[in-house]
């Protein structure tokens, strides 16, 4: 199954000392004109 494959890959990377960062997401929000209101 896919889970077994992923787990084996994770273990092999871990054995080699390879780390992965946690998934992150950056959100950029453009500023709105003052008359647009507030949230």
C-alpha atoms as a PDB file:
ATOM      1  CA  UNK A   1       0.000   0.000   0.000  1.00  0.00           C
ATOM      2  CA  UNK A   2       1.012   3.636  -0.314  1.00  0.00           C
ATOM      3  CA  UNK A   3       1.305   3.983   3.469  1.00  0.00           C
ATOM      4  CA  UNK A   4       3.817   1.123   3.645  1.00  0.00           C
ATOM      5  CA  UNK A   5       5.911   2.656   0.855  1.00  0.00           C
ATOM      6  CA  UNK A   6       5.895   6.077   2.519  1.00  0.00           C
ATOM      7  CA  UNK A   7       6.839   4.581   5.875  1.00  0.00           C
ATOM      8  CA  UNK A   8       9.742   2.645   4.364  1.00  0.00           C
ATOM      9  CA  UNK A   9      10.999   5.762   2.583  1.00  0.00           C
ATOM     10  CA  UNK A  10      10.749   7.734   5.818  1.00  0.00           C
ATOM     11  CA  UNK A  11      12.712   5.087   7.724  1.00  0.00           C
ATOM     12  CA  UNK A  12      15.442   4.926   5.098  1.00  0.00           C
ATOM     13  CA  UNK A  13      15.820   8.700   5.037  1.00  0.00           C
ATOM     14  CA  UNK A  14      15.897   8.718   8.833  1.00  0.00           C
ATOM     15  CA  UNK A  15      18.624   6.039   8.811  1.00  0.00           C
ATOM     16  CA  UNK A  16      20.713   8.276   6.533  1.00  0.00           C
ATOM     17  CA  UNK A  17      20.145  11.346   8.734  1.00  0.00           C
ATOM     18  CA  UNK A  18      18.010  13.138   6.156  1.00  0.00           C
ATOM     19  CA  UNK A  19      15.379  15.411   7.727  1.00  0.00           C
ATOM     20  CA  UNK A  20      12.383  17.077   6.150  1.00  0.00           C
ATOM     21  CA  UNK A  21      10.859  20.339   7.303  1.00  0.00           C
ATOM     22  CA  UNK A  22       7.201  20.370   8.231  1.00  0.00           C
ATOM     23  CA  UNK A  23       4.950  21.575   5.424  1.00  0.00           C
ATOM     24  CA  UNK A  24       4.511  25.321   5.618  1.00  0.00           C
ATOM     25  CA  UNK A  25       2.445  27.851   3.752  1.00  0.00           C
ATOM     26  CA  UNK A  26       3.110  31.569   3.393  1.00  0.00           C
ATOM     27  CA  UNK A  27       0.120  33.797   2.780  1.00  0.00           C
ATOM     28  CA  UNK A  28       0.649  37.292   1.379  1.00  0.00           C
ATOM     29  CA  UNK A  29      -2.257  39.704   1.844  1.00  0.00           C
ATOM     30  CA  UNK A  30      -2.364  42.918  -0.125  1.00  0.00           C
ATOM     31  CA  UNK A  31      -3.469  45.950   1.834  1.00  0.00           C
ATOM     32  CA  UNK A  32      -6.877  47.393   0.986  1.00  0.00           C
ATOM     33  CA  UNK A  33      -7.844  51.070   0.819  1.00  0.00           C
ATOM     34  CA  UNK A  34      -9.252  52.425   4.098  1.00  0.00           C
ATOM     35  CA  UNK A  35     -12.727  52.941   2.593  1.00  0.00           C
ATOM     36  CA  UNK A  36     -13.002  49.229   1.742  1.00  0.00           C
ATOM     37  CA  UNK A  37     -13.970  48.499   5.356  1.00  0.00           C
ATOM     38  CA  UNK A  38     -12.506  46.280   8.023  1.00  0.00           C
ATOM     39  CA  UNK A  39     -12.725  42.574   8.664  1.00  0.00           C
END
